[in-house]
Amino acid sequence: LPYGSDRSNEVIRGAAGLQGSFDKWNWKIDAVAARDNLQLTDYGFLNVAGLLNAINTGSYNFVNPSLNTAAVRNQVSPTITTPSKSTLLSVDGSVTRDLMELAGGPMQLAVGAQARREVLENNNQNARLDTNGLTTASAFGQHTVLAAYFELGAPVLENLDVNLSGRYDDYSEGFSNFSPKLAVLYKPVDMVQLRATASTGFRAPTFAESGPRSQYAGFSTFTTPASFQLA
């Protein structure tokens, strides 16, 4: 039987933005909407029930497989099509301005906020656990993420820049995090730059890790002892 898989992935994405200024502030608003449609087609995997039925009824010709009809082949190894999808909606707004003049140039401030909605439906290719060797993983979930962030750039001297930034993320699942960052760039001479950075990181759990409907099942082989088989 031929063995393999085909993947079809269709992505639809749209983006729009506005920008302008008022007083000494520059502002910008960006919006993004995206939809990802994924379809996996697997073939060549043995269906356990179909194989047992073919053996019990003798419908499958194991001596000369080329004589088997398409219907019999499909019973033993049907084509499995699994659709999945994900969506993203995001709105991001920020304002920037110069605060004061320093020795190396203007001190600049940027402040922004973001609202994001994510939905994932990654279906199980082997939901009935009846196909040998086919993955059983699935992931489902949805959440809303609200974030606020800032960045302050200070060219303290002509050869010394200090950058301070931070981002706060709040997830609808009930957890949040603030990630600060401090970066210093020192340029003693034109051909030498020294950079130092201190920051904290944050990774939110994926839907596969935290989704209440996400799952994974596996198979293992085990040979019982002879004493048990003879009992």
C-alpha atoms as a PDB file:
ATOM      1  CA  LEU A   1       0.000   0.000   0.000  1.00  0.00           C
ATOM      2  CA  PRO A   2       1.296   3.524  -0.749  1.00  0.00           C
ATOM      3  CA  TYR A   3       2.309   5.375   2.401  1.00  0.00           C
ATOM      4  CA  GLY A   4       2.600   9.075   3.167  1.00  0.00           C
ATOM      5  CA  SER A   5       0.729  12.271   3.893  1.00  0.00           C
ATOM      6  CA  ASP A   6      -0.341  15.476   2.180  1.00  0.00           C
ATOM      7  CA  ARG A   7      -0.645  18.869   3.826  1.00  0.00           C
ATOM      8  CA  SER A   8      -2.839  21.721   2.631  1.00  0.00           C
ATOM      9  CA  ASN A   9      -2.491  25.039   4.465  1.00  0.00           C
ATOM     10  CA  GLU A  10      -4.554  28.117   3.605  1.00  0.00           C
ATOM     11  CA  VAL A  11      -3.817  31.392   5.375  1.00  0.00           C
ATOM     12  CA  ILE A  12      -6.062  34.440   5.132  1.00  0.00           C
ATOM     13  CA  ARG A  13      -4.657  37.613   6.694  1.00  0.00           C
ATOM     14  CA  GLY A  14      -5.650  41.245   6.728  1.00  0.00           C
ATOM     15  CA  ALA A  15      -3.954  44.242   8.328  1.00  0.00           C
ATOM     16  CA  ALA A  16      -4.811  47.910   8.684  1.00  0.00           C
ATOM     17  CA  GLY A  17      -3.200  50.845  10.422  1.00  0.00           C
ATOM     18  CA  LEU A  18      -3.575  54.514  11.236  1.00  0.00           C
ATOM     19  CA  GLN A  19      -0.996  57.027  12.397  1.00  0.00           C
ATOM     20  CA  GLY A  20      -0.797  60.677  13.164  1.00  0.00           C
ATOM     21  CA  SER A  21       0.377  63.256  15.699  1.00  0.00           C
ATOM     22  CA  PHE A  22      -0.974  65.669  18.280  1.00  0.00           C
ATOM     23  CA  ASP A  23       0.919  68.266  20.260  1.00  0.00           C
ATOM     24  CA  LYS A  24       4.372  66.640  20.733  1.00  0.00           C
ATOM     25  CA  TRP A  25       3.130  63.047  20.530  1.00  0.00           C
ATOM     26  CA  ASN A  26       3.170  60.668  17.563  1.00  0.00           C
ATOM     27  CA  TRP A  27       0.542  57.923  17.644  1.00  0.00           C
ATOM     28  CA  LYS A  28      -0.058  54.702  15.737  1.00  0.00           C
ATOM     29  CA  ILE A  29      -2.795  52.042  15.744  1.00  0.00           C
ATOM     30  CA  ASP A  30      -2.440  48.692  13.968  1.00  0.00           C
ATOM     31  CA  ALA A  31      -5.010  45.891  13.640  1.00  0.00           C
ATOM     32  CA  VAL A  32      -4.482  42.363  12.320  1.00  0.00           C
ATOM     33  CA  ALA A  33      -6.935  39.530  11.629  1.00  0.00           C
ATOM     34  CA  ALA A  34      -5.783  36.106  10.441  1.00  0.00           C
ATOM     35  CA  ARG A  35      -7.310  32.671   9.829  1.00  0.00           C
ATOM     36  CA  ASP A  36      -5.292  29.496   9.197  1.00  0.00           C
ATOM     37  CA  ASN A  37      -7.056  26.458   7.707  1.00  0.00           C
ATOM     38  CA  LEU A  38      -4.961  23.288   7.798  1.00  0.00           C
ATOM     39  CA  GLN A  39      -5.936  19.936   6.300  1.00  0.00           C
ATOM     40  CA  LEU A  40      -3.845  16.791   6.771  1.00  0.00           C
ATOM     41  CA  THR A  41      -4.445  13.754   4.573  1.00  0.00           C
ATOM     42  CA  ASP A  42      -2.783  10.493   5.639  1.00  0.00           C
ATOM     43  CA  TYR A  43      -2.711   7.271   3.662  1.00  0.00           C
ATOM     44  CA  GLY A  44      -0.994   3.932   4.014  1.00  0.00           C
ATOM     45  CA  PHE A  45      -1.804   3.438   7.709  1.00  0.00           C
ATOM     46  CA  LEU A  46      -3.468   0.185   8.730  1.00  0.00           C
ATOM     47  CA  ASN A  47      -6.910   0.333  10.273  1.00  0.00           C
ATOM     48  CA  VAL A  48      -6.967  -2.295  13.027  1.00  0.00           C
ATOM     49  CA  ALA A  49     -10.659  -3.187  12.740  1.00  0.00           C
ATOM     50  CA  GLY A  50     -10.528  -3.220   8.942  1.00  0.00           C
ATOM     51  CA  LEU A  51      -7.457  -5.457   8.924  1.00  0.00           C
ATOM     52  CA  LEU A  52      -8.996  -7.930  11.391  1.00  0.00           C
ATOM     53  CA  ASN A  53     -12.182  -8.062   9.338  1.00  0.00           C
ATOM     54  CA  ALA A  54     -10.179  -8.674   6.147  1.00  0.00           C
ATOM     55  CA  ILE A  55      -8.317 -11.533   7.827  1.00  0.00           C
ATOM     56  CA  ASN A  56     -11.452 -13.100   9.308  1.00  0.00           C
ATOM     57  CA  THR A  57     -13.456 -12.914   6.089  1.00  0.00           C
ATOM     58  CA  GLY A  58     -10.583 -13.594   3.716  1.00  0.00           C
ATOM     59  CA  SER A  59     -11.510 -10.542   1.660  1.00  0.00           C
ATOM     60  CA  TYR A  60      -7.911  -9.335   1.345  1.00  0.00           C
ATOM     61  CA  ASN A  61      -5.555 -11.218  -0.973  1.00  0.00           C
ATOM     62  CA  PHE A  62      -2.247 -11.331   0.908  1.00  0.00           C
ATOM     63  CA  VAL A  63      -0.667 -13.661  -1.663  1.00  0.00           C
ATOM     64  CA  ASN A  64      -1.160 -11.261  -4.580  1.00  0.00           C
ATOM     65  CA  PRO A  65      -2.113  -7.804  -3.207  1.00  0.00           C
ATOM     66  CA  SER A  66      -2.415  -6.387  -6.735  1.00  0.00           C
ATOM     67  CA  LEU A  67      -5.678  -8.323  -7.130  1.00  0.00           C
ATOM     68  CA  ASN A  68      -7.395  -6.466  -4.289  1.00  0.00           C
ATOM     69  CA  THR A  69     -10.116  -4.010  -5.258  1.00  0.00           C
ATOM     70  CA  ALA A  70     -10.083  -0.359  -4.235  1.00  0.00           C
ATOM     71  CA  ALA A  71     -12.927  -1.032  -1.794  1.00  0.00           C
ATOM     72  CA  VAL A  72     -10.951  -3.764  -0.033  1.00  0.00           C
ATOM     73  CA  ARG A  73      -7.815  -1.601   0.107  1.00  0.00           C
ATOM     74  CA  ASN A  74      -9.828   1.258   1.556  1.00  0.00           C
ATOM     75  CA  GLN A  75     -11.201  -1.063   4.238  1.00  0.00           C
ATOM     76  CA  VAL A  76      -7.730  -2.114   5.359  1.00  0.00           C
ATOM     77  CA  SER A  77      -6.057   1.276   4.881  1.00  0.00           C
ATOM     78  CA  PRO A  78      -8.558   4.125   4.477  1.00  0.00           C
ATOM     79  CA  THR A  79      -7.524   7.671   3.600  1.00  0.00           C
ATOM     80  CA  ILE A  80      -7.816   9.833   6.707  1.00  0.00           C
ATOM     81  CA  THR A  81      -8.477  13.562   6.364  1.00  0.00           C
ATOM     82  CA  THR A  82      -8.148  15.790   9.437  1.00  0.00           C
ATOM     83  CA  PRO A  83      -9.084  19.497   9.333  1.00  0.00           C
ATOM     84  CA  SER A  84      -7.715  22.007  11.849  1.00  0.00           C
ATOM     85  CA  LYS A  85      -7.904  25.769  12.163  1.00  0.00           C
ATOM     86  CA  SER A  86      -6.680  28.761  14.143  1.00  0.00           C
ATOM     87  CA  THR A  87      -7.677  32.427  14.293  1.00  0.00           C
ATOM     88  CA  LEU A  88      -5.974  35.587  15.531  1.00  0.00           C
ATOM     89  CA  LEU A  89      -7.385  39.063  16.175  1.00  0.00           C
ATOM     90  CA  SER A  90      -5.026  41.770  17.426  1.00  0.00           C
ATOM     91  CA  VAL A  91      -5.171  45.533  18.020  1.00  0.00           C
ATOM     92  CA  ASP A  92      -2.024  47.436  18.980  1.00  0.00           C
ATOM     93  CA  GLY A  93      -1.725  51.129  19.822  1.00  0.00           C
ATOM     94  CA  SER A  94       1.295  53.212  20.813  1.00  0.00           C
ATOM     95  CA  VAL A  95       2.420  56.811  21.341  1.00  0.00           C
ATOM     96  CA  THR A  96       5.957  58.234  21.220  1.00  0.00           C
ATOM     97  CA  ARG A  97       7.575  61.597  21.951  1.00  0.00           C
ATOM     98  CA  ASP A  98      10.847  63.331  22.807  1.00  0.00           C
ATOM     99  CA  LEU A  99      11.098  64.194  26.503  1.00  0.00           C
ATOM    100  CA  MET A 100      14.249  66.273  26.832  1.00  0.00           C
ATOM    101  CA  GLU A 101      17.565  66.950  25.190  1.00  0.00           C
ATOM    102  CA  LEU A 102      20.585  65.073  26.572  1.00  0.00           C
ATOM    103  CA  ALA A 103      24.270  65.256  25.720  1.00  0.00           C
ATOM    104  CA  GLY A 104      23.928  62.509  23.089  1.00  0.00           C
ATOM    105  CA  GLY A 105      20.541  63.557  21.703  1.00  0.00           C
ATOM    106  CA  PRO A 106      16.859  63.597  22.682  1.00  0.00           C
ATOM    107  CA  MET A 107      15.509  61.248  25.345  1.00  0.00           C
ATOM    108  CA  GLN A 108      12.611  59.350  23.751  1.00  0.00           C
ATOM    109  CA  LEU A 109       9.618  57.612  25.321  1.00  0.00           C
ATOM    110  CA  ALA A 110       7.251  55.076  23.789  1.00  0.00           C
ATOM    111  CA  VAL A 111       4.148  53.697  25.532  1.00  0.00           C
ATOM    112  CA  GLY A 112       1.722  51.188  24.091  1.00  0.00           C
ATOM    113  CA  ALA A 113      -0.994  48.614  24.701  1.00  0.00           C
ATOM    114  CA  GLN A 114      -2.220  45.518  22.896  1.00  0.00           C
ATOM    115  CA  ALA A 115      -5.324  43.326  22.939  1.00  0.00           C
ATOM    116  CA  ARG A 116      -5.105  39.907  21.305  1.00  0.00           C
ATOM    117  CA  ARG A 117      -7.587  37.037  20.855  1.00  0.00           C
ATOM    118  CA  GLU A 118      -6.331  33.582  19.838  1.00  0.00           C
ATOM    119  CA  VAL A 119      -8.324  30.414  19.106  1.00  0.00           C
ATOM    120  CA  LEU A 120      -6.857  27.016  18.175  1.00  0.00           C
ATOM    121  CA  GLU A 121      -8.566  23.817  17.043  1.00  0.00           C
ATOM    122  CA  ASN A 122      -5.938  21.189  16.224  1.00  0.00           C
ATOM    123  CA  ASN A 123      -7.878  17.955  15.784  1.00  0.00           C
ATOM    124  CA  ASN A 124      -6.744  14.443  16.619  1.00  0.00           C
ATOM    125  CA  GLN A 125      -5.811  12.416  13.516  1.00  0.00           C
ATOM    126  CA  ASN A 126      -6.441   9.180  15.386  1.00  0.00           C
ATOM    127  CA  ALA A 127      -9.366  10.114  17.619  1.00  0.00           C
ATOM    128  CA  ARG A 128     -10.815   6.584  17.611  1.00  0.00           C
ATOM    129  CA  LEU A 129      -7.437   4.987  18.362  1.00  0.00           C
ATOM    130  CA  ASP A 130      -8.092   2.520  15.548  1.00  0.00           C
ATOM    131  CA  THR A 131      -5.192   3.318  13.197  1.00  0.00           C
ATOM    132  CA  ASN A 132      -1.781   1.829  13.834  1.00  0.00           C
ATOM    133  CA  GLY A 133       1.120   4.306  13.899  1.00  0.00           C
ATOM    134  CA  LEU A 134      -0.931   7.493  13.428  1.00  0.00           C
ATOM    135  CA  THR A 135      -0.441  10.317  15.929  1.00  0.00           C
ATOM    136  CA  THR A 136      -2.995  10.836  18.667  1.00  0.00           C
ATOM    137  CA  ALA A 137      -2.091  14.406  19.648  1.00  0.00           C
ATOM    138  CA  SER A 138      -4.630  17.218  19.714  1.00  0.00           C
ATOM    139  CA  ALA A 139      -4.714  20.773  21.030  1.00  0.00           C
ATOM    140  CA  PHE A 140      -7.675  23.058  21.667  1.00  0.00           C
ATOM    141  CA  GLY A 141      -7.874  26.416  23.376  1.00  0.00           C
ATOM    142  CA  GLN A 142      -8.782  30.054  23.304  1.00  0.00           C
ATOM    143  CA  HIS A 143      -7.739  33.066  25.294  1.00  0.00           C
ATOM    144  CA  THR A 144      -7.584  36.837  25.363  1.00  0.00           C
ATOM    145  CA  VAL A 145      -4.285  38.556  26.128  1.00  0.00           C
ATOM    146  CA  LEU A 146      -4.056  42.175  27.300  1.00  0.00           C
ATOM    147  CA  ALA A 147      -0.638  43.816  27.351  1.00  0.00           C
ATOM    148  CA  ALA A 148       0.973  47.144  28.131  1.00  0.00           C
ATOM    149  CA  TYR A 149       4.559  48.129  27.390  1.00  0.00           C
ATOM    150  CA  PHE A 150       6.993  51.032  27.453  1.00  0.00           C
ATOM    151  CA  GLU A 151      10.477  51.894  26.205  1.00  0.00           C
ATOM    152  CA  LEU A 152      12.739  54.746  27.274  1.00  0.00           C
ATOM    153  CA  GLY A 153      15.810  55.586  25.231  1.00  0.00           C
ATOM    154  CA  ALA A 154      18.369  57.885  26.833  1.00  0.00           C
ATOM    155  CA  PRO A 155      21.549  58.910  24.920  1.00  0.00           C
ATOM    156  CA  VAL A 156      23.229  60.088  28.120  1.00  0.00           C
ATOM    157  CA  LEU A 157      26.472  60.940  26.310  1.00  0.00           C
ATOM    158  CA  GLU A 158      27.538  60.964  22.705  1.00  0.00           C
ATOM    159  CA  ASN A 159      29.117  57.548  23.248  1.00  0.00           C
ATOM    160  CA  LEU A 160      26.741  56.150  25.915  1.00  0.00           C
ATOM    161  CA  ASP A 161      23.152  55.024  25.326  1.00  0.00           C
ATOM    162  CA  VAL A 162      20.872  53.602  28.011  1.00  0.00           C
ATOM    163  CA  ASN A 163      17.627  51.824  27.115  1.00  0.00           C
ATOM    164  CA  LEU A 164      14.982  50.758  29.629  1.00  0.00           C
ATOM    165  CA  SER A 165      11.875  48.824  28.591  1.00  0.00           C
ATOM    166  CA  GLY A 166       9.227  46.542  30.015  1.00  0.00           C
ATOM    167  CA  ARG A 167       6.100  44.633  29.070  1.00  0.00           C
ATOM    168  CA  TYR A 168       3.184  43.394  31.175  1.00  0.00           C
ATOM    169  CA  ASP A 169       0.997  40.557  29.825  1.00  0.00           C
ATOM    170  CA  ASP A 170      -2.276  39.401  31.360  1.00  0.00           C
ATOM    171  CA  TYR A 171      -3.845  36.143  30.111  1.00  0.00           C
ATOM    172  CA  SER A 172      -7.517  35.289  30.496  1.00  0.00           C
ATOM    173  CA  GLU A 173      -6.540  31.872  31.895  1.00  0.00           C
ATOM    174  CA  GLY A 174      -5.631  33.668  35.116  1.00  0.00           C
ATOM    175  CA  PHE A 175      -1.892  34.363  35.024  1.00  0.00           C
ATOM    176  CA  SER A 176       0.200  37.430  34.209  1.00  0.00           C
ATOM    177  CA  ASN A 177       3.823  38.537  34.021  1.00  0.00           C
ATOM    178  CA  PHE A 178       5.991  41.645  33.848  1.00  0.00           C
ATOM    179  CA  SER A 179       9.260  41.417  31.876  1.00  0.00           C
ATOM    180  CA  PRO A 180      11.742  44.310  32.283  1.00  0.00           C
ATOM    181  CA  LYS A 181      14.893  44.921  30.254  1.00  0.00           C
ATOM    182  CA  LEU A 182      17.884  47.219  30.707  1.00  0.00           C
ATOM    183  CA  ALA A 183      20.443  47.687  27.932  1.00  0.00           C
ATOM    184  CA  VAL A 184      23.568  49.839  27.899  1.00  0.00           C
ATOM    185  CA  LEU A 185      25.654  50.620  24.808  1.00  0.00           C
ATOM    186  CA  TYR A 186      29.084  52.192  25.265  1.00  0.00           C
ATOM    187  CA  LYS A 187      31.261  53.283  22.354  1.00  0.00           C
ATOM    188  CA  PRO A 188      34.763  54.206  23.626  1.00  0.00           C
ATOM    189  CA  VAL A 189      36.055  54.690  20.065  1.00  0.00           C
ATOM    190  CA  ASP A 190      34.440  54.679  16.650  1.00  0.00           C
ATOM    191  CA  MET A 191      35.455  51.079  15.864  1.00  0.00           C
ATOM    192  CA  VAL A 192      34.557  49.537  19.248  1.00  0.00           C
ATOM    193  CA  GLN A 193      31.120  49.044  20.802  1.00  0.00           C
ATOM    194  CA  LEU A 194      30.440  47.450  24.188  1.00  0.00           C
ATOM    195  CA  ARG A 195      26.933  46.272  25.018  1.00  0.00           C
ATOM    196  CA  ALA A 196      25.454  44.940  28.268  1.00  0.00           C
ATOM    197  CA  THR A 197      21.902  43.690  28.734  1.00  0.00           C
ATOM    198  CA  ALA A 198      19.916  42.476  31.737  1.00  0.00           C
ATOM    199  CA  SER A 199      16.383  41.150  31.293  1.00  0.00           C
ATOM    200  CA  THR A 200      13.859  38.571  32.412  1.00  0.00           C
ATOM    201  CA  GLY A 201      12.020  36.222  30.068  1.00  0.00           C
ATOM    202  CA  PHE A 202       8.538  34.799  30.001  1.00  0.00           C
ATOM    203  CA  ARG A 203       6.898  32.033  27.987  1.00  0.00           C
ATOM    204  CA  ALA A 204       3.193  31.375  28.333  1.00  0.00           C
ATOM    205  CA  PRO A 205       2.124  27.715  28.147  1.00  0.00           C
ATOM    206  CA  THR A 206       0.823  26.626  24.767  1.00  0.00           C
ATOM    207  CA  PHE A 207      -2.718  25.342  24.247  1.00  0.00           C
ATOM    208  CA  ALA A 208      -1.265  21.833  23.955  1.00  0.00           C
ATOM    209  CA  GLU A 209       0.182  22.260  27.471  1.00  0.00           C
ATOM    210  CA  SER A 210      -2.741  24.011  29.161  1.00  0.00           C
ATOM    211  CA  GLY A 211      -5.864  23.422  27.045  1.00  0.00           C
ATOM    212  CA  PRO A 212      -8.519  21.398  28.945  1.00  0.00           C
ATOM    213  CA  ARG A 213      -9.388  19.438  25.786  1.00  0.00           C
ATOM    214  CA  SER A 214      -5.806  18.859  24.608  1.00  0.00           C
ATOM    215  CA  GLN A 215      -4.609  15.302  24.838  1.00  0.00           C
ATOM    216  CA  TYR A 216      -2.082  12.735  23.750  1.00  0.00           C
ATOM    217  CA  ALA A 217      -2.341   8.942  23.876  1.00  0.00           C
ATOM    218  CA  GLY A 218       0.359   6.440  23.023  1.00  0.00           C
ATOM    219  CA  PHE A 219       0.826   2.750  22.480  1.00  0.00           C
ATOM    220  CA  SER A 220       3.422   0.387  23.876  1.00  0.00           C
ATOM    221  CA  THR A 221       4.139  -3.282  23.190  1.00  0.00           C
ATOM    222  CA  PHE A 222       4.469  -5.830  25.979  1.00  0.00           C
ATOM    223  CA  THR A 223       5.051  -9.560  25.875  1.00  0.00           C
ATOM    224  CA  THR A 224       3.566 -11.414  28.839  1.00  0.00           C
ATOM    225  CA  PRO A 225       5.761 -13.985  30.627  1.00  0.00           C
ATOM    226  CA  ALA A 226       5.463 -17.619  29.581  1.00  0.00           C
ATOM    227  CA  SER A 227       4.097 -18.512  33.019  1.00  0.00           C
ATOM    228  CA  PHE A 228       1.206 -16.135  32.474  1.00  0.00           C
ATOM    229  CA  GLN A 229       0.508 -17.389  28.958  1.00  0.00           C
ATOM    230  CA  LEU A 230       0.378 -21.010  30.173  1.00  0.00           C
ATOM    231  CA  ALA A 231      -1.836 -20.226  33.166  1.00  0.00           C
END
